[in-house]
Structure formats: structure tokens, C-alpha cells
Protein backbone atom coordinates (compact mmCIF):
# COMPACT_ATOMS: atom_id res chain seq x y z
CA MET A 1 77.49 -47.05 132.34
CA ARG A 2 80.53 -44.93 130.09
CA ARG A 3 82.00 -43.56 132.76
CA THR A 4 82.41 -46.84 134.81
CA ILE A 5 83.88 -48.22 131.48
CA ILE A 6 86.14 -45.30 131.93
CA ILE A 7 87.26 -45.57 135.36
CA LEU A 8 87.44 -48.90 135.27
CA LEU A 9 90.68 -48.64 132.30
CA MET A 10 92.44 -46.01 133.89
CA TRP A 11 92.69 -48.45 137.30
CA PHE A 12 93.89 -51.34 134.93
CA PRO A 13 97.25 -49.91 134.23
CA ALA A 14 97.27 -49.22 138.17
CA LEU A 15 96.71 -52.63 138.96
CA ALA A 16 99.19 -53.89 136.84
CA CYS A 17 101.88 -51.45 138.15
CA CYS A 18 100.70 -52.94 141.93
CA ALA A 19 101.06 -56.52 140.44
CA GLY A 20 104.25 -58.56 141.97
CA ILE A 21 106.73 -58.42 139.21
CA ALA A 22 107.94 -61.92 137.55
CA PRO A 23 111.18 -63.26 139.41
CA GLU A 24 112.48 -64.54 135.73
CA GLY A 25 115.87 -63.50 134.92
CA ARG A 26 119.57 -63.36 136.96
CA TRP A 27 119.99 -61.53 139.93
CA GLU A 28 123.07 -60.31 141.48
CA GLY A 29 124.28 -58.91 144.72
CA PRO A 30 125.80 -59.11 148.14
CA LEU A 31 125.45 -61.83 150.84
CA GLN A 32 126.63 -60.77 154.12
CA ILE A 33 127.76 -63.59 156.03
CA PRO A 34 129.35 -62.51 159.00
CA GLY A 35 132.49 -61.00 158.89
CA ARG A 36 132.35 -61.23 155.16
CA GLU A 37 130.76 -60.37 152.20
CA LEU A 38 130.37 -62.35 149.46
CA GLN A 39 128.60 -62.08 145.58
CA LEU A 40 125.83 -64.39 145.21
CA VAL A 41 123.83 -64.43 141.59
CA LEU A 42 120.49 -66.20 141.31
CA ASP A 43 119.12 -67.30 138.09
CA LEU A 44 115.31 -67.99 137.72
CA ALA A 45 113.11 -69.34 134.65
CA PRO A 46 110.12 -71.27 134.30
CA GLY A 47 110.53 -74.26 133.06
CA SER A 48 108.72 -76.58 130.11
CA SER A 49 106.25 -77.76 132.16
CA GLY A 50 105.65 -74.57 133.79
CA ALA A 51 107.41 -75.22 137.43
CA TRP A 52 110.43 -73.12 138.13
CA THR A 53 114.15 -74.11 137.82
CA GLY A 54 116.95 -72.23 138.93
CA SER A 55 120.86 -72.26 139.60
CA ILE A 56 123.05 -70.10 142.46
CA ILE A 57 126.75 -69.01 141.98
CA ILE A 58 128.05 -67.92 145.71
CA GLN A 59 131.41 -66.64 145.17
CA GLY A 60 133.88 -67.40 147.33
CA LEU A 61 132.36 -70.89 148.60
CA GLY A 62 133.01 -72.64 145.78
CA ILE A 63 129.44 -73.23 144.92
CA LYS A 64 129.14 -72.93 141.03
CA GLY A 65 126.05 -72.45 139.04
CA ALA A 66 124.73 -75.47 141.87
CA PRO A 67 120.90 -76.49 141.25
CA LEU A 68 118.05 -75.13 143.36
CA SER A 69 115.88 -77.52 145.49
CA ASN A 70 112.54 -76.54 147.09
CA LEU A 71 111.75 -73.96 144.73
CA VAL A 72 108.46 -71.86 145.16
CA VAL A 73 107.98 -69.10 143.32
CA THR A 74 104.56 -66.32 143.47
CA ASP A 75 104.21 -63.06 142.40
CA THR A 76 106.24 -61.36 145.47
CA ASP A 77 108.20 -64.08 146.91
CA LEU A 78 110.33 -67.33 146.71
CA ALA A 79 111.80 -69.71 149.13
CA PHE A 80 114.40 -72.82 148.01
CA ASP A 81 117.02 -74.50 149.46
CA MET A 82 120.38 -76.12 148.07
CA GLY A 83 120.27 -79.42 149.08
CA ASN A 84 123.56 -80.75 149.12
CA SER A 85 125.69 -78.21 147.57
CA LEU A 86 125.83 -76.46 150.95
CA GLY A 87 124.93 -77.93 154.02
CA THR A 88 126.32 -80.62 156.45
CA PRO A 89 123.93 -84.04 157.74
CA SER A 90 123.79 -82.60 161.16
CA ASP A 91 122.55 -78.96 160.33
CA GLY A 92 120.70 -79.78 156.55
CA PRO A 93 120.77 -77.76 153.66
CA ALA A 94 120.88 -73.85 153.21
CA ARG A 95 117.66 -72.25 153.09
CA PHE A 96 116.80 -68.44 151.17
CA LYS A 97 113.77 -66.86 151.39
CA ALA A 98 113.36 -63.47 149.52
CA HIS A 99 110.92 -60.74 149.01
CA ILE A 100 110.42 -59.24 145.37
CA GLY A 101 110.03 -55.44 145.19
CA ALA A 102 109.39 -53.14 143.31
CA GLY A 103 111.27 -52.58 140.38
CA ASP A 104 113.99 -54.90 139.88
CA GLY A 105 114.97 -55.29 143.63
CA MET A 106 114.85 -58.32 145.64
CA ALA A 107 116.15 -58.96 149.45
CA GLY A 108 115.88 -62.04 151.93
CA GLU A 109 118.15 -64.02 153.81
CA MET A 110 120.05 -67.30 153.58
CA ARG A 111 119.62 -69.24 156.94
CA GLN A 112 121.78 -72.37 158.23
CA ALA A 113 122.74 -73.65 161.59
CA GLY A 114 121.08 -70.90 163.60
CA ASN A 115 122.89 -68.30 161.60
CA VAL A 116 121.38 -65.37 159.35
CA ALA A 117 122.64 -63.70 156.28
CA PRO A 118 120.88 -61.10 154.20
CA PHE A 119 121.12 -60.30 150.39
CA SER A 120 120.21 -57.59 148.21
CA LEU A 121 120.29 -58.67 144.85
CA ARG A 122 119.49 -56.87 141.61
CA ARG A 123 118.08 -57.92 138.54
CA VAL A 124 120.67 -57.55 135.56
CA ALA A 125 120.12 -59.80 132.54
CA SER A 126 117.92 -62.79 131.17
CA ALA A 127 118.08 -66.10 133.21
CA GLN A 128 121.32 -68.67 132.41
CA VAL A 129 119.94 -71.79 134.67
CA GLU A 130 122.53 -73.74 134.71
CA LEU A 131 121.32 -77.29 134.53
CA PRO A 132 122.13 -80.17 136.73
CA ARG A 133 125.36 -81.67 135.19
CA ARG A 134 124.99 -85.99 134.43
CA SER A 135 127.87 -88.46 135.00
CA THR A 136 129.74 -89.27 132.03
CA ALA A 137 132.10 -92.85 131.59
CA VAL A 138 135.27 -92.44 131.06
CA GLY A 139 138.22 -93.47 128.93
CA ARG A 140 140.09 -96.73 129.54
CA ASP A 141 143.20 -94.24 130.57
CA ILE A 142 141.30 -92.83 133.31
CA ALA A 143 139.31 -95.53 134.43
CA ASP A 144 142.33 -97.06 137.45
CA GLN A 145 143.08 -96.18 140.74
CA TRP A 146 145.39 -92.63 141.29
CA THR A 147 146.38 -91.40 144.71
CA GLY A 148 148.35 -88.07 145.58
CA GLU A 149 148.98 -85.32 148.05
CA PHE A 150 148.07 -82.06 148.66
CA GLU A 151 149.38 -79.93 151.45
CA LEU A 152 146.73 -78.20 154.15
CA GLY A 153 147.31 -76.04 157.07
CA GLY A 154 150.90 -77.33 156.89
CA TYR A 155 150.41 -80.77 156.94
CA PRO A 156 150.16 -83.35 154.00
CA ARG A 157 146.50 -84.78 152.72
CA GLN A 158 146.82 -88.26 150.41
CA VAL A 159 144.06 -88.61 148.26
CA THR A 160 143.20 -92.15 146.63
CA ILE A 161 140.77 -91.74 144.25
CA THR A 162 139.30 -94.89 142.18
CA VAL A 163 137.34 -94.63 138.86
CA GLU A 164 135.23 -97.19 137.53
CA ASN A 165 133.28 -97.93 134.09
CA HIS A 166 129.77 -99.88 134.21
CA ALA A 167 128.33 -101.28 131.00
CA ASP A 168 125.47 -99.09 129.06
CA ALA A 169 125.86 -96.51 132.07
CA ALA A 170 127.92 -93.29 133.57
CA ALA A 171 131.45 -94.34 135.71
CA THR A 172 131.52 -94.17 139.01
CA ALA A 173 134.17 -92.80 141.51
CA GLN A 174 135.71 -93.31 145.17
CA PHE A 175 136.80 -90.72 147.11
CA VAL A 176 139.25 -90.95 149.41
CA ILE A 177 141.28 -87.89 151.53
CA VAL A 178 143.79 -89.22 154.51
CA GLY A 179 144.76 -87.05 156.84
CA LYS A 180 144.91 -86.24 160.85
CA GLN A 181 141.44 -89.13 159.90
CA THR A 182 140.47 -90.85 156.83
CA ASN A 183 137.72 -89.13 154.61
CA ASN A 184 135.44 -91.53 152.31
CA LEU A 185 133.90 -88.58 150.61
CA PRO A 186 130.53 -89.74 148.85
CA VAL A 187 130.84 -88.72 145.14
CA ASP A 188 127.69 -87.16 143.16
CA LEU A 189 129.14 -86.88 139.22
CA VAL A 190 131.80 -88.19 137.59
CA ILE A 191 132.70 -86.37 134.03
CA GLU A 192 135.27 -86.78 131.28
CA GLU A 193 135.47 -84.02 128.60
CA GLY A 194 137.95 -84.40 126.04
CA ASN A 195 141.16 -85.09 128.70
CA LEU A 196 139.39 -83.27 131.38
CA LEU A 197 137.92 -85.13 134.45
CA ARG A 198 136.00 -83.80 137.17
CA ILE A 199 134.77 -85.88 140.38
CA GLU A 200 132.40 -84.08 142.78
CA SER A 201 130.98 -84.89 146.23
CA GLN A 202 128.30 -81.86 146.76
CA ALA A 203 127.59 -83.31 150.07
CA ASN A 204 130.66 -82.16 151.31
CA ASN A 205 131.43 -79.26 148.97
CA VAL A 206 134.55 -81.05 147.51
CA ALA A 207 136.01 -81.71 144.24
CA PHE A 208 138.84 -81.96 142.61
CA GLU A 209 139.48 -81.31 138.67
CA GLY A 210 142.51 -82.09 136.24
CA ARG A 211 143.72 -83.15 132.62
CA PHE A 212 145.03 -86.66 131.51
CA HIS A 213 148.44 -86.22 130.28
CA LYS A 214 149.07 -89.38 128.32
CA GLU A 215 152.93 -88.51 127.75
CA SER A 216 153.38 -88.78 131.52
CA GLY A 217 150.57 -90.75 132.74
CA GLU A 218 149.69 -88.06 135.05
CA ILE A 219 146.11 -86.00 135.84
CA ARG A 220 147.55 -82.53 136.97
CA GLY A 221 144.82 -80.47 138.31
CA LEU A 222 143.21 -78.69 141.56
CA VAL A 223 141.23 -80.25 144.53
CA GLU A 224 138.38 -77.62 145.41
CA LEU A 225 138.00 -77.39 149.86
CA GLY A 226 135.00 -74.98 149.32
CA PRO A 227 136.49 -71.46 148.47
CA LEU A 228 139.80 -73.09 148.52
CA GLU A 229 141.57 -74.64 145.63
CA LEU A 230 144.62 -76.31 145.85
CA PRO A 231 147.17 -78.37 143.29
CA LEU A 232 147.41 -81.92 142.75
CA VAL A 233 148.89 -84.35 140.51
CA LEU A 234 147.32 -87.95 140.39
CA ARG A 235 149.31 -91.14 139.59
CA ARG A 236 148.50 -94.34 138.89
CA SER A 237 148.43 -96.72 141.91
CA VAL A 238 148.35 -99.81 140.00
CA GLY A 239 148.59 -100.98 136.55
CA ARG A 240 146.53 -99.79 133.53
CA LYS A 241 143.13 -101.68 134.02
CA SER A 242 142.64 -103.58 130.69
């Protein structure tokens, strides 16, 4: 009997070593898309309810702390997609699968529209999961219609952004870009923090972020088109709303 117990005790460390490594943490490494290498940062952590939560950064694609959707985690594998953060109505969201190996390594692939991009990540720190941001109300100086123009590929693009407050609720916005065609972008997020305004169309990977300058009555900032950032100045197209 004593010998049996000793043998079991000797096996327990080995079994623990062979068990899956918990995926909690910040993981970083290259994502190999065709003809280009991007840096991927993945944060994973168990939530208060026991379900896993996560967020992702893909440098070079304008993806900054996007929440993970349909996240499934086991001891050795995980799968998730990026919802509207990286996807199209015709092709659906970008989907990820990965296997957690021995040590602090993880390898997998991203799939979208028939394309496959492998990645290899290493755990580098504790998880820094970014919680989904929520829209806020905006100040009276911002709740108006704004117009501006930027240039892309040698052609001008006209921008109209209309921001509207609602009683006891967050603000909403209309975001229209007119070039060779008119794009009325669905807006997911409207945030004002201090004098900084951010408006996002996550489904189209388009955003505007700028600061309101009271002395000139302008919002000066950048329009983000995926990885591109282009200067854009917005001015009121109608008088200030009362």
C-alpha cells in the first residue's frame, strides 16, 4: 500500500506538467498575412462570471483593443472571432483558432474570405483586457452637424458628421463619406472625453477622432480608414443648436 502511494505521488507532478497551460495573460507575436507581417497582441482573462473575456490589437490594421466574440477556451485550445471589428457583410468576421503548447507558446491561424494567416505568440505579461467602450452624451458645442474634406488617392472625400444627444441616453451620430460614391456608415460608438471626440464605425473599420477648439469652432483630428490616418478638420455646416 505504501509503495502504491509513493508511486502516485511521483506521478502527480508529471501529470500536472502534461496538463494544459492556462491561457490567461498577454500574448504577443507576428501575424503573417500575404506579403506582410503584422504584430498581434492578444489579452485573455477569466471574467467574474467564470466565462473568459479578451481583447485584441493588430498593429497596422487599426485594431486597438477590440473585444473578442464567441470566445471558447479549453486547457489547450481557444477559438474566437472579431465580430464587426474586422469583417464584412459578405465574408463575415475574421475567425481565429490556436493551440497552446508547452511553455508559454501559442500557435494558430486567422481565417477570413478563404484566406489563411498563421500566427505564433508568446506570453509576455499579465492580461490587460480592454472592456468594450460605451457611447456617452456630448456637450452642446459638439451636438451639431459638421462637414470637412480629406484627400485619398488624389481624390477629395467630403465628410458630414451629425451628432445628436438624447434625453437620459448616449449620443448617436450619422457618418457620411462622399467620394466616387456615397457611404452612409453605421456608427457603433460616440464618445466625448473632455474636448476629445471619437466616432467609430466598427463594421467598416472607420473612425474619426479629434479635439474641439472653441476659439475657432473647429474639430481638428484624424479620420482612420483601417491602417490609414488622414488629417481632417470639421466645421459647422449649420448654426449651433440651442
